Protein backbone atom coordinates (compact mmCIF):
# COMPACT_ATOMS: atom_id res chain seq x y z
CA MET A 1 4.31 0.61 52.29
CA ARG A 2 3.44 3.81 50.65
CA LEU A 3 6.81 4.13 49.07
CA ILE A 4 6.30 0.87 47.86
CA LEU A 5 3.22 1.28 46.12
CA LEU A 6 4.52 4.75 44.65
CA THR A 7 7.46 2.58 43.13
CA LEU A 8 4.95 0.13 41.62
CA PHE A 9 2.70 2.68 40.24
CA ILE A 10 5.80 4.50 38.54
CA LEU A 11 7.19 1.20 37.25
CA ILE A 12 3.85 0.13 35.72
CA ASN A 13 3.03 3.58 33.90
CA LEU A 14 6.67 3.50 32.67
CA GLU A 15 5.80 0.59 30.70
CA ALA A 16 3.34 2.57 28.83
CA LYS A 17 4.89 6.13 28.65
CA SER A 18 8.74 6.67 28.64
CA LEU A 19 10.22 8.96 31.46
CA PHE A 20 11.45 11.58 29.12
CA SER A 21 9.48 13.30 26.26
CA ASN A 22 10.74 12.50 22.72
CA ASN A 23 11.03 15.72 20.85
CA ASN A 24 12.48 14.48 17.68
CA GLN A 25 9.46 11.62 17.43
CA ALA A 26 6.91 14.67 17.94
CA ASP A 27 8.61 16.48 15.15
CA ASN A 28 8.54 13.47 13.18
CA SER A 29 4.68 12.98 13.44
CA ILE A 30 3.99 16.45 12.63
CA TYR A 31 6.22 16.81 9.52
CA VAL A 32 4.61 13.54 8.07
CA GLY A 33 1.31 14.37 8.80
CA ALA A 34 1.71 17.69 6.71
CA LEU A 35 3.34 15.84 4.05
CA LYS A 36 0.59 13.42 3.98
CA ASP A 37 -1.96 16.38 3.37
CA LEU A 38 0.15 17.39 0.39
CA ILE A 39 0.39 14.18 -1.06
CA ILE A 40 -3.53 13.50 -0.60
CA ALA A 41 -4.30 17.08 -2.13
CA THR A 42 -1.94 16.18 -5.33
CA GLN A 43 -3.51 13.15 -5.84
CA LYS A 44 -6.54 14.43 -5.85
CA THR A 45 -5.78 17.62 -8.14
CA ARG A 46 -4.17 14.95 -10.70
CA GLY A 47 -7.46 12.87 -10.74
CA LEU A 48 -9.67 16.05 -11.09
CA THR A 49 -7.40 17.52 -13.66
CA ASN A 50 -7.68 14.15 -15.57
CA SER A 51 -11.23 13.98 -15.28
CA TYR A 52 -11.59 17.67 -16.47
CA LEU A 53 -9.00 17.23 -19.64
CA ASN A 54 -11.25 14.04 -20.67
CA GLY A 55 -14.32 16.21 -20.99
CA ASN A 56 -15.80 16.44 -17.25
CA THR A 57 -16.36 19.95 -17.22
CA VAL A 58 -17.68 20.20 -13.33
CA ALA A 59 -14.23 19.27 -12.28
CA MET A 60 -12.53 22.22 -12.96
CA LEU A 61 -13.77 24.36 -9.90
CA LEU A 62 -12.90 21.40 -7.74
CA VAL A 63 -9.21 21.55 -9.15
CA TYR A 64 -8.76 25.09 -7.83
CA THR A 65 -9.72 23.84 -4.54
CA SER A 66 -7.33 20.75 -4.61
CA ARG A 67 -4.52 23.29 -5.62
CA ASP A 68 -5.23 25.58 -2.64
CA ASN A 69 -4.81 22.38 -0.22
CA MET A 70 -1.57 21.72 -1.75
CA LYS A 71 -0.39 25.36 -1.03
CA LYS A 72 -1.61 25.12 2.52
CA ALA A 73 0.16 21.79 3.24
CA ILE A 74 3.59 23.06 1.67
CA GLY A 75 3.08 26.25 3.96
CA VAL A 76 2.85 24.07 7.16
CA MET A 77 5.73 21.77 5.83
CA GLU A 78 7.92 24.95 5.71
CA SER A 79 6.83 26.32 9.14
CA LEU A 80 8.38 23.16 10.99
CA PRO A 81 11.15 22.25 12.83
CA LEU A 82 12.26 19.40 10.30
CA ALA A 83 12.20 21.90 7.44
CA ALA A 84 15.58 23.12 8.94
CA ASP A 85 17.16 19.62 8.06
CA PRO A 86 18.95 20.82 4.66
CA VAL A 87 18.23 17.54 3.20
CA ILE A 88 14.56 17.33 3.65
CA ASN A 89 14.43 20.89 2.78
CA LYS A 90 16.45 20.74 -0.33
CA ARG A 91 13.95 17.96 -1.62
CA ALA A 92 10.80 19.64 -0.22
CA THR A 93 11.58 22.81 -1.89
CA SER A 94 12.28 21.07 -5.42
CA ILE A 95 8.76 19.23 -4.96
CA SER A 96 6.93 22.55 -4.12
CA GLN A 97 8.61 24.36 -7.03
CA SER A 98 8.12 21.64 -9.71
CA LEU A 99 4.11 21.44 -8.39
CA ILE A 100 3.70 25.14 -8.77
CA LYS A 101 5.04 24.82 -12.34
CA LEU A 102 2.76 22.22 -12.95
CA ASN A 103 -0.34 23.65 -11.79
CA ASN A 104 0.48 26.66 -13.98
CA LYS A 105 0.20 24.60 -17.36
CA ALA A 106 -1.40 21.41 -16.33
CA PHE A 107 -4.82 22.35 -18.48
CA SER A 108 -2.84 23.02 -21.50
CA LEU A 109 -1.33 19.39 -21.47
CA LYS A 110 -2.67 16.15 -22.85
CA PRO A 111 -4.31 13.98 -20.15
CA SER A 112 -2.18 11.33 -20.26
CA VAL A 113 0.86 13.69 -19.94
CA THR A 114 -0.61 15.62 -17.07
CA PHE A 115 -1.48 12.51 -15.35
CA SER A 116 1.96 11.22 -15.76
CA LYS A 117 3.71 14.56 -14.44
CA TYR A 118 1.64 14.66 -11.34
CA THR A 119 2.18 10.91 -10.58
CA GLU A 120 6.24 11.79 -10.95
CA GLU A 121 5.79 14.47 -8.48
CA ILE A 122 3.74 12.33 -5.96
CA GLU A 123 6.55 9.64 -6.24
CA GLN A 124 9.11 12.53 -5.08
CA ALA A 125 6.94 13.39 -2.28
CA LEU A 126 6.81 9.41 -1.26
CA MET A 127 10.48 9.51 -1.50
CA LEU A 128 10.72 12.46 0.94
CA ALA A 129 8.48 10.52 3.26
CA GLN A 130 11.01 7.99 3.15
CA THR A 131 14.01 10.36 3.63
CA VAL A 132 12.00 11.83 6.63
CA ASN A 133 11.72 8.20 8.15
CA LYS A 134 15.49 7.16 7.30
CA ARG A 135 17.08 10.58 8.72
CA THR A 136 14.75 10.46 11.96
CA SER A 137 14.24 6.73 12.61
CA LYS A 138 17.31 6.80 14.84
CA ASP A 139 15.58 9.16 17.21
CA LEU A 140 12.29 7.32 17.45
CA ASN A 141 11.15 5.02 20.00
CA PRO A 142 10.58 1.29 19.06
CA PHE A 143 6.82 1.61 18.71
CA GLY A 144 7.52 4.77 16.66
CA LYS A 145 9.99 3.29 14.44
CA GLU A 146 7.49 0.15 13.61
CA ALA A 147 4.52 2.32 13.41
CA SER A 148 6.24 5.13 11.14
CA GLU A 149 7.56 2.41 8.67
CA ILE A 150 4.09 1.20 8.04
CA MET A 151 2.66 4.58 7.40
CA MET A 152 5.53 5.38 5.19
CA GLN A 153 6.37 2.22 3.21
CA THR A 154 2.44 0.86 3.38
CA MET A 155 -0.04 3.22 3.94
CA LEU A 156 1.07 6.22 1.78
CA PRO A 157 1.82 3.95 -1.05
CA MET A 158 -1.43 2.38 -1.01
CA SER A 159 -3.32 5.65 -0.89
CA GLU A 160 -1.32 6.82 -3.93
CA TYR A 161 -2.27 3.52 -5.88
CA VAL A 162 -5.97 3.97 -5.02
CA GLY A 163 -5.47 7.98 -6.10
CA GLN A 164 -4.33 6.75 -9.38
CA LEU A 165 -6.84 3.94 -9.78
CA ARG A 166 -9.37 6.74 -9.05
CA GLY A 167 -7.88 9.43 -11.21
CA PHE A 168 -7.03 7.17 -14.36
CA GLY A 169 -10.47 5.73 -13.94
CA ALA A 170 -12.43 8.95 -13.84
CA GLY A 171 -10.68 9.82 -16.81
CA LEU A 172 -11.68 6.86 -18.71
CA ALA A 173 -15.34 7.29 -17.24
CA ALA A 174 -15.53 11.09 -18.53
CA LYS A 175 -14.24 9.78 -21.93
CA GLY A 176 -16.73 6.96 -21.95
CA SER A 177 -14.19 4.11 -23.35
CA ALA A 178 -11.06 2.41 -22.60
CA ASN A 179 -8.86 0.58 -24.83
CA LYS A 180 -6.60 -2.59 -24.09
CA GLN A 181 -3.76 -0.84 -22.98
CA GLU A 182 -6.04 1.09 -20.32
CA LEU A 183 -7.77 -1.74 -19.42
CA GLU A 184 -4.33 -3.57 -18.34
CA LYS A 185 -3.37 -0.40 -16.55
CA ILE A 186 -6.54 -0.70 -14.48
CA TYR A 187 -5.82 -4.48 -13.74
CA VAL A 188 -2.46 -3.68 -12.59
CA LEU A 189 -3.50 -0.89 -10.33
CA ALA A 190 -6.25 -2.83 -8.79
CA GLN A 191 -4.00 -5.73 -8.16
CA LYS A 192 -1.52 -3.29 -6.22
CA VAL A 193 -4.03 -1.91 -4.40
CA ASN A 194 -5.24 -5.31 -3.38
CA ASN A 195 -1.39 -6.49 -2.31
CA LEU A 196 -0.82 -3.40 -0.39
CA ASN A 197 -4.20 -4.11 1.34
CA SER A 198 -3.39 -7.42 2.59
CA GLN A 199 0.08 -6.32 3.64
CA LEU A 200 -1.45 -3.52 5.77
CA ASP A 201 -4.06 -5.75 7.41
CA LYS A 202 -1.41 -8.26 8.57
CA GLN A 203 1.19 -5.48 9.52
CA MET A 204 -1.52 -3.55 11.63
CA GLN A 205 -2.47 -6.83 13.31
CA GLU A 206 1.20 -7.35 14.10
CA LEU A 207 1.57 -4.00 15.27
CA GLN A 208 -1.59 -4.07 17.80
CA ASN A 209 -0.28 -7.45 19.00
CA LYS A 210 2.83 -6.44 19.71
CA TYR A 211 1.60 -3.01 21.39
CA PRO A 212 -1.72 -3.39 22.91
CA ASN A 213 -1.86 -0.16 24.85
CA LYS A 214 -0.17 2.17 22.04
CA LEU A 215 -3.45 1.95 19.75
CA PRO A 216 -6.80 2.62 19.63
CA SER A 217 -9.23 -0.34 19.85
CA ILE A 218 -11.52 0.98 17.57
CA LEU A 219 -8.80 0.93 14.94
CA THR A 220 -9.41 -2.86 14.47
CA THR A 221 -12.88 -1.90 13.30
CA SER A 222 -11.59 0.52 10.84
CA ILE A 223 -8.60 -1.78 9.33
CA SER A 224 -11.53 -4.56 9.08
CA SER A 225 -13.61 -2.17 7.04
CA LEU A 226 -11.06 -0.85 5.05
CA ASN A 227 -9.87 -4.21 3.91
CA ASN A 228 -13.64 -4.85 2.61
CA GLN A 229 -13.90 -1.21 0.99
CA ALA A 230 -10.43 -1.83 -0.94
CA LYS A 231 -11.61 -4.91 -2.10
CA ASP A 232 -15.13 -3.78 -3.50
CA TYR A 233 -13.61 -0.67 -5.18
CA SER A 234 -10.87 -3.02 -6.96
CA LYS A 235 -13.52 -5.28 -8.11
CA TYR A 236 -16.03 -2.61 -9.10
CA ALA A 237 -13.20 -0.74 -11.33
CA LEU A 238 -12.31 -4.35 -13.08
CA ASP A 239 -16.16 -5.45 -13.92
CA ARG A 240 -17.25 -2.00 -14.82
CA PHE A 241 -14.52 -0.64 -17.11
CA LYS A 242 -14.36 -4.08 -18.64
CA ASN A 243 -18.20 -4.46 -19.38
CA ASN A 244 -19.15 -0.87 -20.19
CA PRO A 245 -17.29 1.91 -19.38
CA LYS A 246 -20.01 4.62 -20.83
CA SER A 247 -22.26 3.39 -17.77
CA ILE A 248 -19.71 4.77 -15.29
CA ASP A 249 -20.47 8.24 -13.64
CA ALA A 250 -17.09 9.96 -13.71
CA ASP A 251 -17.77 11.94 -10.42
CA GLY A 252 -19.62 9.05 -8.63
CA TYR A 253 -16.39 6.70 -9.45
CA PHE A 254 -14.19 9.54 -8.09
CA ASP A 255 -15.97 10.16 -4.99
CA ARG A 256 -15.87 6.39 -4.21
CA GLY A 257 -12.05 6.29 -4.75
CA THR A 258 -12.07 9.75 -2.63
CA GLN A 259 -14.15 7.42 0.36
CA LEU A 260 -11.48 4.69 0.13
CA ILE A 261 -8.34 7.14 0.61
CA SER A 262 -10.17 8.73 3.23
CA SER A 263 -10.43 5.29 5.21
CA ILE A 264 -6.91 4.74 4.53
CA ILE A 265 -6.02 8.32 5.86
CA LYS A 266 -8.35 7.82 9.00
CA ILE A 267 -6.03 4.74 9.91
CA TYR A 268 -2.69 6.70 9.23
CA ASP A 269 -3.84 9.58 11.23
CA ALA A 270 -5.12 7.39 14.17
CA THR A 271 -1.72 5.81 13.82
CA ASN A 272 0.08 8.93 13.78
CA GLN A 273 -1.72 10.07 16.73
CA ALA A 274 -0.62 7.32 18.61
CA LEU A 275 3.02 8.00 17.35
CA LEU A 276 2.72 11.55 18.58
CA GLU A 277 1.10 10.13 21.97
CA ASP A 278 4.12 7.85 22.48
CA SER A 279 6.52 10.62 22.33
CA LYS A 280 5.22 12.34 25.38
CA GLY A 281 6.96 11.43 28.45
CA TRP A 282 6.46 11.92 32.27
CA LEU A 283 9.06 14.63 32.03
């Protein structure tokens, strides 16, 4: 009887956890966590630099803090097992070198040029995230594959479009004006944020329904809160820049965008933690 009960106990728990640990999935989880930190720090550096170059002198000190966070994230990435992958290492090194050069000359460039160049580097980092996902997906557990895909293809791109809306808008607020072309860009960015917001909401509901024991239940509340936050920030940006850009406080607008990105990253980190836990087996 005891043997039967023990067997049933093992079978039940194997449904929630694999027999063997998946070190490759653990390595993926830790690396994409550091890469996420680099992307977020670079987004913040871009936005603060744009705000400073458009007249918000208070932002200068914050730029240097964000640059330090970029360096820390790069250092962590270089110390991890996946850095030994030649393709990943080559692309990560290229991004790192380009960001160092850009940081050194950012204040001497026109605001629009600096913004574009940081955006290009962030796009390269997002492409690196896709590379990491493709090169490691075959080694991931079923939950790990699906969760990682949402993180790389929806969460990080959403954080980037919010980052662009935040940084570009902060520059307009610091300048106190917006022309037709700039307003059109605000509209396009707001639409992209809303589209990815809806996509993420749907994907996470499906993931939770398929793997109810993998993700924390509190995540449902976080996703609902993010959904409302994203809608509110997009509407706020569209309404305020269209009606009276001079009335927008650049720092307040930037901080509001940062809060939205923090909400995205809260869900990203919780999902990544679940991915890390999923990599742990009984042996």
